[in-house]
Amino acid sequence: MNANLLSRITINIEQCGGKPCIRNMRIRVSDVLDLLANGISPEQIVTDELPDLELQDIYACFAFASAKLNHPILQAA
């Protein structure tokens, strides 16, 4: 996992309800993932939808989502 990418994702309990955001902006990781899920390309996101973002921010969202989905799950026996 690229630590530089993940450092772009910030969590502040006083901002956006404590949801993961990008570089302390009020742009949530889930906002970016929703745009991607709706067929908007990373290039379109940084050019048209959220021009305050950089392509590295989009890649950071991928890395963050992957890390969250790839955690061990403990089950009671």
N, C-alpha and C. Protein backbone atom coordinates (compact mmCIF):
# COMPACT_ATOMS: atom_id res chain seq x y z
N MET A 1 0.85 -1.18 0.00
CA MET A 1 0.00 0.00 0.00
C MET A 1 0.89 1.23 0.00
N ASN A 2 0.56 2.19 -0.80
CA ASN A 2 1.34 3.40 -0.92
C ASN A 2 0.95 4.39 0.19
N ALA A 3 1.85 4.56 1.15
CA ALA A 3 1.56 5.44 2.29
C ALA A 3 1.38 6.89 1.85
N ASN A 4 2.07 7.30 0.79
CA ASN A 4 1.91 8.68 0.30
C ASN A 4 0.48 8.92 -0.19
N LEU A 5 -0.07 7.92 -0.86
CA LEU A 5 -1.45 8.07 -1.32
C LEU A 5 -2.40 8.14 -0.13
N LEU A 6 -2.23 7.22 0.81
CA LEU A 6 -3.15 7.18 1.95
C LEU A 6 -3.04 8.42 2.82
N SER A 7 -1.90 9.10 2.79
CA SER A 7 -1.76 10.32 3.59
C SER A 7 -2.64 11.45 3.06
N ARG A 8 -3.14 11.30 1.85
CA ARG A 8 -4.05 12.30 1.28
C ARG A 8 -5.46 12.19 1.88
N ILE A 9 -5.75 11.06 2.50
CA ILE A 9 -7.07 10.83 3.09
C ILE A 9 -7.01 11.23 4.56
N THR A 10 -7.90 12.13 4.96
CA THR A 10 -7.91 12.62 6.33
C THR A 10 -9.27 12.36 6.97
N ILE A 11 -9.23 12.19 8.27
CA ILE A 11 -10.47 12.00 9.04
C ILE A 11 -10.45 12.98 10.20
N ASN A 12 -11.45 13.83 10.24
CA ASN A 12 -11.58 14.84 11.29
C ASN A 12 -13.02 14.74 11.80
N ILE A 13 -13.16 14.43 13.07
CA ILE A 13 -14.52 14.23 13.61
C ILE A 13 -15.38 15.49 13.53
N GLU A 14 -14.74 16.65 13.35
CA GLU A 14 -15.50 17.91 13.26
C GLU A 14 -15.78 18.32 11.82
N GLN A 15 -15.46 17.46 10.89
CA GLN A 15 -15.66 17.79 9.48
C GLN A 15 -16.39 16.63 8.80
N CYS A 16 -17.45 16.92 8.10
CA CYS A 16 -18.22 15.93 7.34
C CYS A 16 -18.60 14.73 8.19
N GLY A 17 -18.94 14.97 9.44
CA GLY A 17 -19.39 13.91 10.33
C GLY A 17 -18.34 12.85 10.60
N GLY A 18 -17.08 13.20 10.45
CA GLY A 18 -16.01 12.24 10.70
C GLY A 18 -15.76 11.28 9.54
N LYS A 19 -16.39 11.54 8.41
CA LYS A 19 -16.20 10.69 7.24
C LYS A 19 -14.83 10.98 6.62
N PRO A 20 -14.20 9.98 6.00
CA PRO A 20 -12.91 10.20 5.34
C PRO A 20 -13.04 11.23 4.22
N CYS A 21 -12.14 12.19 4.23
CA CYS A 21 -12.13 13.27 3.23
C CYS A 21 -10.77 13.31 2.55
N ILE A 22 -10.69 14.14 1.55
CA ILE A 22 -9.45 14.29 0.79
C ILE A 22 -8.75 15.57 1.21
N ARG A 23 -7.53 15.42 1.67
CA ARG A 23 -6.63 16.53 2.05
C ARG A 23 -7.33 17.61 2.88
N ASN A 24 -8.08 17.20 3.87
CA ASN A 24 -8.76 18.12 4.78
C ASN A 24 -9.78 19.02 4.10
N MET A 25 -10.15 18.70 2.87
CA MET A 25 -11.22 19.44 2.20
C MET A 25 -12.54 18.78 2.56
N ARG A 26 -13.60 19.42 2.25
CA ARG A 26 -14.92 18.85 2.52
C ARG A 26 -15.41 18.02 1.33
N ILE A 27 -14.49 17.30 0.75
CA ILE A 27 -14.81 16.36 -0.33
C ILE A 27 -14.55 14.97 0.23
N ARG A 28 -15.64 14.21 0.39
CA ARG A 28 -15.53 12.89 1.00
C ARG A 28 -15.05 11.85 -0.01
N VAL A 29 -14.37 10.85 0.49
CA VAL A 29 -13.95 9.73 -0.34
C VAL A 29 -15.19 9.13 -1.01
N SER A 30 -16.27 9.01 -0.28
CA SER A 30 -17.49 8.43 -0.84
C SER A 30 -18.05 9.27 -1.99
N ASP A 31 -17.85 10.59 -1.95
CA ASP A 31 -18.30 11.44 -3.06
C ASP A 31 -17.56 11.06 -4.35
N VAL A 32 -16.26 10.88 -4.23
CA VAL A 32 -15.44 10.52 -5.39
C VAL A 32 -15.81 9.12 -5.88
N LEU A 33 -15.97 8.19 -4.97
CA LEU A 33 -16.32 6.83 -5.37
C LEU A 33 -17.69 6.79 -6.04
N ASP A 34 -18.63 7.60 -5.57
CA ASP A 34 -19.95 7.67 -6.21
C ASP A 34 -19.85 8.18 -7.65
N LEU A 35 -19.02 9.20 -7.85
CA LEU A 35 -18.83 9.71 -9.21
C LEU A 35 -18.24 8.64 -10.12
N LEU A 36 -17.22 7.95 -9.61
CA LEU A 36 -16.61 6.87 -10.39
C LEU A 36 -17.61 5.77 -10.70
N ALA A 37 -18.43 5.41 -9.71
CA ALA A 37 -19.43 4.36 -9.90
C ALA A 37 -20.47 4.75 -10.93
N ASN A 38 -20.66 6.04 -11.13
CA ASN A 38 -21.63 6.53 -12.11
C ASN A 38 -20.99 6.76 -13.48
N GLY A 39 -19.78 6.23 -13.67
CA GLY A 39 -19.17 6.26 -15.00
C GLY A 39 -18.35 7.49 -15.32
N ILE A 40 -18.11 8.33 -14.36
CA ILE A 40 -17.30 9.52 -14.61
C ILE A 40 -15.83 9.13 -14.44
N SER A 41 -15.01 9.45 -15.41
CA SER A 41 -13.61 9.06 -15.37
C SER A 41 -12.84 9.92 -14.37
N PRO A 42 -11.72 9.40 -13.88
CA PRO A 42 -10.89 10.21 -12.98
C PRO A 42 -10.51 11.56 -13.59
N GLU A 43 -10.20 11.56 -14.87
CA GLU A 43 -9.82 12.80 -15.54
C GLU A 43 -10.98 13.80 -15.56
N GLN A 44 -12.20 13.30 -15.79
CA GLN A 44 -13.38 14.18 -15.78
C GLN A 44 -13.63 14.73 -14.38
N ILE A 45 -13.39 13.92 -13.37
CA ILE A 45 -13.62 14.37 -12.00
C ILE A 45 -12.73 15.56 -11.69
N VAL A 46 -11.43 15.45 -11.99
CA VAL A 46 -10.52 16.55 -11.63
C VAL A 46 -10.64 17.74 -12.56
N THR A 47 -11.17 17.51 -13.76
CA THR A 47 -11.30 18.62 -14.71
C THR A 47 -12.64 19.33 -14.58
N ASP A 48 -13.73 18.54 -14.50
CA ASP A 48 -15.08 19.11 -14.58
C ASP A 48 -15.84 19.12 -13.25
N GLU A 49 -15.76 18.03 -12.51
CA GLU A 49 -16.62 17.86 -11.33
C GLU A 49 -16.04 18.48 -10.07
N LEU A 50 -14.79 18.15 -9.77
CA LEU A 50 -14.15 18.59 -8.53
C LEU A 50 -12.75 19.11 -8.85
N PRO A 51 -12.66 20.30 -9.44
CA PRO A 51 -11.36 20.80 -9.93
C PRO A 51 -10.33 21.07 -8.84
N ASP A 52 -10.73 21.07 -7.56
CA ASP A 52 -9.76 21.23 -6.49
C ASP A 52 -8.95 19.96 -6.25
N LEU A 53 -9.38 18.85 -6.86
CA LEU A 53 -8.68 17.58 -6.69
C LEU A 53 -7.61 17.40 -7.74
N GLU A 54 -6.69 16.49 -7.42
CA GLU A 54 -5.64 16.06 -8.34
C GLU A 54 -5.86 14.58 -8.62
N LEU A 55 -5.30 14.09 -9.72
CA LEU A 55 -5.45 12.67 -10.03
C LEU A 55 -4.95 11.80 -8.89
N GLN A 56 -3.91 12.21 -8.20
CA GLN A 56 -3.39 11.44 -7.08
C GLN A 56 -4.45 11.29 -5.98
N ASP A 57 -5.33 12.28 -5.85
CA ASP A 57 -6.41 12.18 -4.87
C ASP A 57 -7.39 11.06 -5.24
N ILE A 58 -7.64 10.92 -6.53
CA ILE A 58 -8.54 9.85 -6.99
C ILE A 58 -7.90 8.50 -6.69
N TYR A 59 -6.60 8.38 -6.98
CA TYR A 59 -5.90 7.13 -6.70
C TYR A 59 -5.87 6.85 -5.21
N ALA A 60 -5.80 7.89 -4.41
CA ALA A 60 -5.84 7.72 -2.95
C ALA A 60 -7.18 7.15 -2.51
N CYS A 61 -8.26 7.58 -3.16
CA CYS A 61 -9.58 7.03 -2.84
C CYS A 61 -9.65 5.55 -3.14
N PHE A 62 -9.06 5.14 -4.27
CA PHE A 62 -9.00 3.71 -4.60
C PHE A 62 -8.22 2.95 -3.53
N ALA A 63 -7.07 3.49 -3.16
CA ALA A 63 -6.22 2.82 -2.17
C ALA A 63 -6.93 2.72 -0.83
N PHE A 64 -7.62 3.78 -0.43
CA PHE A 64 -8.34 3.79 0.84
C PHE A 64 -9.46 2.75 0.83
N ALA A 65 -10.23 2.73 -0.26
CA ALA A 65 -11.33 1.77 -0.36
C ALA A 65 -10.80 0.34 -0.35
N SER A 66 -9.72 0.11 -1.05
CA SER A 66 -9.13 -1.22 -1.07
C SER A 66 -8.67 -1.64 0.31
N ALA A 67 -8.03 -0.73 1.03
CA ALA A 67 -7.56 -1.04 2.38
C ALA A 67 -8.73 -1.35 3.31
N LYS A 68 -9.82 -0.63 3.18
CA LYS A 68 -10.98 -0.84 4.03
C LYS A 68 -11.66 -2.17 3.73
N LEU A 69 -11.66 -2.56 2.48
CA LEU A 69 -12.32 -3.81 2.09
C LEU A 69 -11.44 -5.03 2.33
N ASN A 70 -10.16 -4.82 2.51
CA ASN A 70 -9.21 -5.93 2.62
C ASN A 70 -8.73 -6.11 4.06
N HIS A 71 -9.60 -5.92 5.01
CA HIS A 71 -9.19 -6.11 6.40
C HIS A 71 -9.73 -7.46 6.88
N PRO A 72 -9.01 -8.09 7.80
CA PRO A 72 -9.47 -9.39 8.30
C PRO A 72 -10.76 -9.27 9.09
N ILE A 73 -11.60 -10.26 8.97
CA ILE A 73 -12.86 -10.30 9.70
C ILE A 73 -12.79 -11.47 10.67
N LEU A 74 -12.97 -11.18 11.92
CA LEU A 74 -12.95 -12.21 12.94
C LEU A 74 -14.37 -12.70 13.18
N GLN A 75 -14.52 -14.00 13.23
CA GLN A 75 -15.83 -14.58 13.48
C GLN A 75 -15.77 -15.45 14.74
N ALA A 76 -16.82 -15.39 15.49
CA ALA A 76 -16.90 -16.24 16.68
C ALA A 76 -17.06 -17.69 16.25
N ALA A 77 -16.41 -18.57 17.00
CA ALA A 77 -16.48 -20.00 16.63
C ALA A 77 -17.76 -20.62 17.18
